[in-house]
Every structure is written in structure tokens, then in C-alpha cells.
């Protein structure tokens, strides 16, 4: 997740969640679409989302 955050020049303000979901409070530069960041985080193998998402 750190690499994704650095790639998007994002600042992680707060992170909470449970086994099956997460809540992130993130500051993004205006040039970054929230959907692009979300898709990149979902694809990150360390988040577990890629393994548990239905296909």
C-alpha cells in the first residue's frame, strides 16, 4: 500500500477497518481520480482484496 500511496502522491490520514473491508481517509492531489487510487489499492496483493473479490 505504501508504494501505491507514493505513486499517487497521497497522504494517508486515517486507516480503520475489519477483516472484510477498510476505511481510508486520504488526501489526494487534485490531478488524481479517486477511482484510480481505489482500483490500484484493490489490485495490491498485500490488501487481500484481489484474492477475495468475486469475479
N, C-alpha and C. Protein backbone atom coordinates (compact mmCIF):
# COMPACT_ATOMS: atom_id res chain seq x y z
N UNK A 1 0.82 -1.18 0.00
CA UNK A 1 0.00 0.00 0.00
C UNK A 1 0.87 1.25 0.00
N UNK A 2 2.02 1.19 0.62
CA UNK A 2 2.92 2.34 0.65
C UNK A 2 3.34 2.76 -0.75
N UNK A 3 3.65 1.79 -1.61
CA UNK A 3 4.07 2.10 -2.98
C UNK A 3 2.95 2.79 -3.75
N UNK A 4 1.72 2.31 -3.58
CA UNK A 4 0.58 2.93 -4.26
C UNK A 4 0.40 4.36 -3.76
N UNK A 5 0.50 4.54 -2.46
CA UNK A 5 0.36 5.88 -1.88
C UNK A 5 1.43 6.82 -2.45
N UNK A 6 2.65 6.36 -2.54
CA UNK A 6 3.73 7.19 -3.07
C UNK A 6 3.53 7.47 -4.56
N UNK A 7 3.08 6.47 -5.32
CA UNK A 7 2.84 6.66 -6.76
C UNK A 7 1.80 7.75 -7.02
N UNK A 8 0.80 7.83 -6.15
CA UNK A 8 -0.28 8.80 -6.34
C UNK A 8 -0.08 10.09 -5.54
N UNK A 9 1.07 10.19 -4.87
CA UNK A 9 1.38 11.37 -4.04
C UNK A 9 0.25 11.61 -3.03
N UNK A 10 -0.23 10.53 -2.45
CA UNK A 10 -1.34 10.60 -1.49
C UNK A 10 -0.82 10.60 -0.06
N UNK A 11 -1.58 11.21 0.81
CA UNK A 11 -1.26 11.22 2.24
C UNK A 11 -2.33 10.43 2.98
N UNK A 12 -1.92 9.37 3.65
CA UNK A 12 -2.86 8.57 4.44
C UNK A 12 -3.07 9.26 5.78
N UNK A 13 -4.29 9.73 6.02
CA UNK A 13 -4.62 10.45 7.24
C UNK A 13 -5.10 9.49 8.32
N UNK A 14 -5.96 8.54 7.93
CA UNK A 14 -6.53 7.60 8.90
C UNK A 14 -6.86 6.29 8.20
N UNK A 15 -6.66 5.18 8.90
CA UNK A 15 -6.95 3.85 8.37
C UNK A 15 -7.63 3.03 9.46
N UNK A 16 -8.83 2.54 9.19
CA UNK A 16 -9.54 1.64 10.09
C UNK A 16 -10.26 0.60 9.25
N UNK A 17 -10.70 -0.45 9.87
CA UNK A 17 -11.46 -1.44 9.12
C UNK A 17 -11.55 -2.76 9.86
N UNK A 18 -12.04 -3.76 9.15
CA UNK A 18 -12.21 -5.10 9.69
C UNK A 18 -11.61 -6.10 8.70
N UNK A 19 -11.90 -7.39 8.93
CA UNK A 19 -11.33 -8.42 8.06
C UNK A 19 -11.77 -8.31 6.61
N UNK A 20 -13.00 -7.85 6.39
CA UNK A 20 -13.53 -7.86 5.02
C UNK A 20 -13.69 -6.48 4.40
N UNK A 21 -13.26 -5.42 5.06
CA UNK A 21 -13.34 -4.09 4.46
C UNK A 21 -12.40 -3.12 5.18
N UNK A 22 -12.20 -1.97 4.59
CA UNK A 22 -11.33 -0.96 5.18
C UNK A 22 -11.91 0.43 4.94
N UNK A 23 -11.58 1.33 5.83
CA UNK A 23 -11.94 2.74 5.70
C UNK A 23 -10.64 3.53 5.66
N UNK A 24 -10.47 4.31 4.61
CA UNK A 24 -9.27 5.13 4.48
C UNK A 24 -9.67 6.59 4.34
N UNK A 25 -8.99 7.44 5.06
CA UNK A 25 -9.13 8.88 4.90
C UNK A 25 -7.82 9.33 4.26
N UNK A 26 -7.90 9.78 3.01
CA UNK A 26 -6.71 10.04 2.21
C UNK A 26 -6.79 11.45 1.62
N UNK A 27 -5.68 12.16 1.67
CA UNK A 27 -5.56 13.44 0.96
C UNK A 27 -4.89 13.16 -0.38
N UNK A 28 -5.56 13.56 -1.46
CA UNK A 28 -5.03 13.35 -2.81
C UNK A 28 -4.83 14.68 -3.51
N UNK A 29 -3.83 14.77 -4.38
CA UNK A 29 -3.71 15.97 -5.20
C UNK A 29 -4.88 16.02 -6.18
N UNK A 30 -5.28 17.20 -6.61
CA UNK A 30 -6.44 17.35 -7.50
C UNK A 30 -6.32 16.59 -8.82
N UNK A 31 -5.11 16.29 -9.26
CA UNK A 31 -4.93 15.61 -10.54
C UNK A 31 -5.24 14.11 -10.47
N UNK A 32 -5.44 13.56 -9.27
CA UNK A 32 -5.67 12.13 -9.10
C UNK A 32 -7.16 11.83 -8.95
N UNK A 33 -7.66 10.92 -9.77
CA UNK A 33 -9.05 10.47 -9.65
C UNK A 33 -9.15 9.45 -8.53
N UNK A 34 -10.13 9.60 -7.67
CA UNK A 34 -10.32 8.69 -6.56
C UNK A 34 -10.49 7.26 -7.06
N UNK A 35 -11.18 7.08 -8.17
CA UNK A 35 -11.40 5.74 -8.72
C UNK A 35 -10.08 5.07 -9.12
N UNK A 36 -9.13 5.82 -9.63
CA UNK A 36 -7.82 5.24 -10.00
C UNK A 36 -7.08 4.76 -8.76
N UNK A 37 -7.13 5.55 -7.68
CA UNK A 37 -6.48 5.14 -6.44
C UNK A 37 -7.16 3.89 -5.89
N UNK A 38 -8.49 3.87 -5.86
CA UNK A 38 -9.23 2.71 -5.33
C UNK A 38 -8.92 1.45 -6.12
N UNK A 39 -8.89 1.55 -7.44
CA UNK A 39 -8.58 0.38 -8.27
C UNK A 39 -7.15 -0.12 -8.03
N UNK A 40 -6.23 0.79 -7.84
CA UNK A 40 -4.85 0.39 -7.57
C UNK A 40 -4.72 -0.30 -6.22
N UNK A 41 -5.45 0.20 -5.23
CA UNK A 41 -5.42 -0.44 -3.91
C UNK A 41 -6.06 -1.82 -3.94
N UNK A 42 -7.13 -1.97 -4.71
CA UNK A 42 -7.79 -3.27 -4.83
C UNK A 42 -6.87 -4.29 -5.49
N UNK A 43 -6.02 -3.84 -6.40
CA UNK A 43 -5.12 -4.74 -7.12
C UNK A 43 -3.86 -5.07 -6.32
N UNK A 44 -3.60 -4.35 -5.24
CA UNK A 44 -2.41 -4.56 -4.42
C UNK A 44 -2.52 -5.90 -3.69
N UNK A 45 -1.56 -6.81 -3.89
CA UNK A 45 -1.66 -8.13 -3.28
C UNK A 45 -1.63 -8.10 -1.75
N UNK A 46 -1.07 -7.07 -1.15
CA UNK A 46 -0.98 -7.01 0.30
C UNK A 46 -2.29 -6.62 0.96
N UNK A 47 -3.24 -6.08 0.21
CA UNK A 47 -4.51 -5.69 0.82
C UNK A 47 -5.45 -6.87 0.96
N UNK A 48 -5.23 -7.93 0.20
CA UNK A 48 -6.11 -9.08 0.26
C UNK A 48 -7.34 -8.93 -0.61
N UNK A 49 -7.62 -7.75 -1.09
CA UNK A 49 -8.83 -7.53 -1.90
C UNK A 49 -8.79 -8.31 -3.20
N UNK A 50 -7.63 -8.43 -3.79
CA UNK A 50 -7.54 -9.12 -5.08
C UNK A 50 -7.90 -10.59 -4.92
N UNK A 51 -7.59 -11.18 -3.77
CA UNK A 51 -7.89 -12.59 -3.56
C UNK A 51 -9.34 -12.83 -3.20
N UNK A 52 -9.98 -11.86 -2.52
CA UNK A 52 -11.33 -12.10 -2.02
C UNK A 52 -12.42 -11.51 -2.89
N UNK A 53 -12.07 -10.75 -3.92
CA UNK A 53 -13.10 -10.13 -4.77
C UNK A 53 -13.74 -11.17 -5.67
N UNK A 54 -15.06 -11.13 -5.80
CA UNK A 54 -15.71 -12.06 -6.72
C UNK A 54 -15.38 -11.71 -8.16
N UNK A 55 -15.32 -12.71 -9.02
CA UNK A 55 -15.02 -12.47 -10.44
C UNK A 55 -16.21 -12.67 -11.30
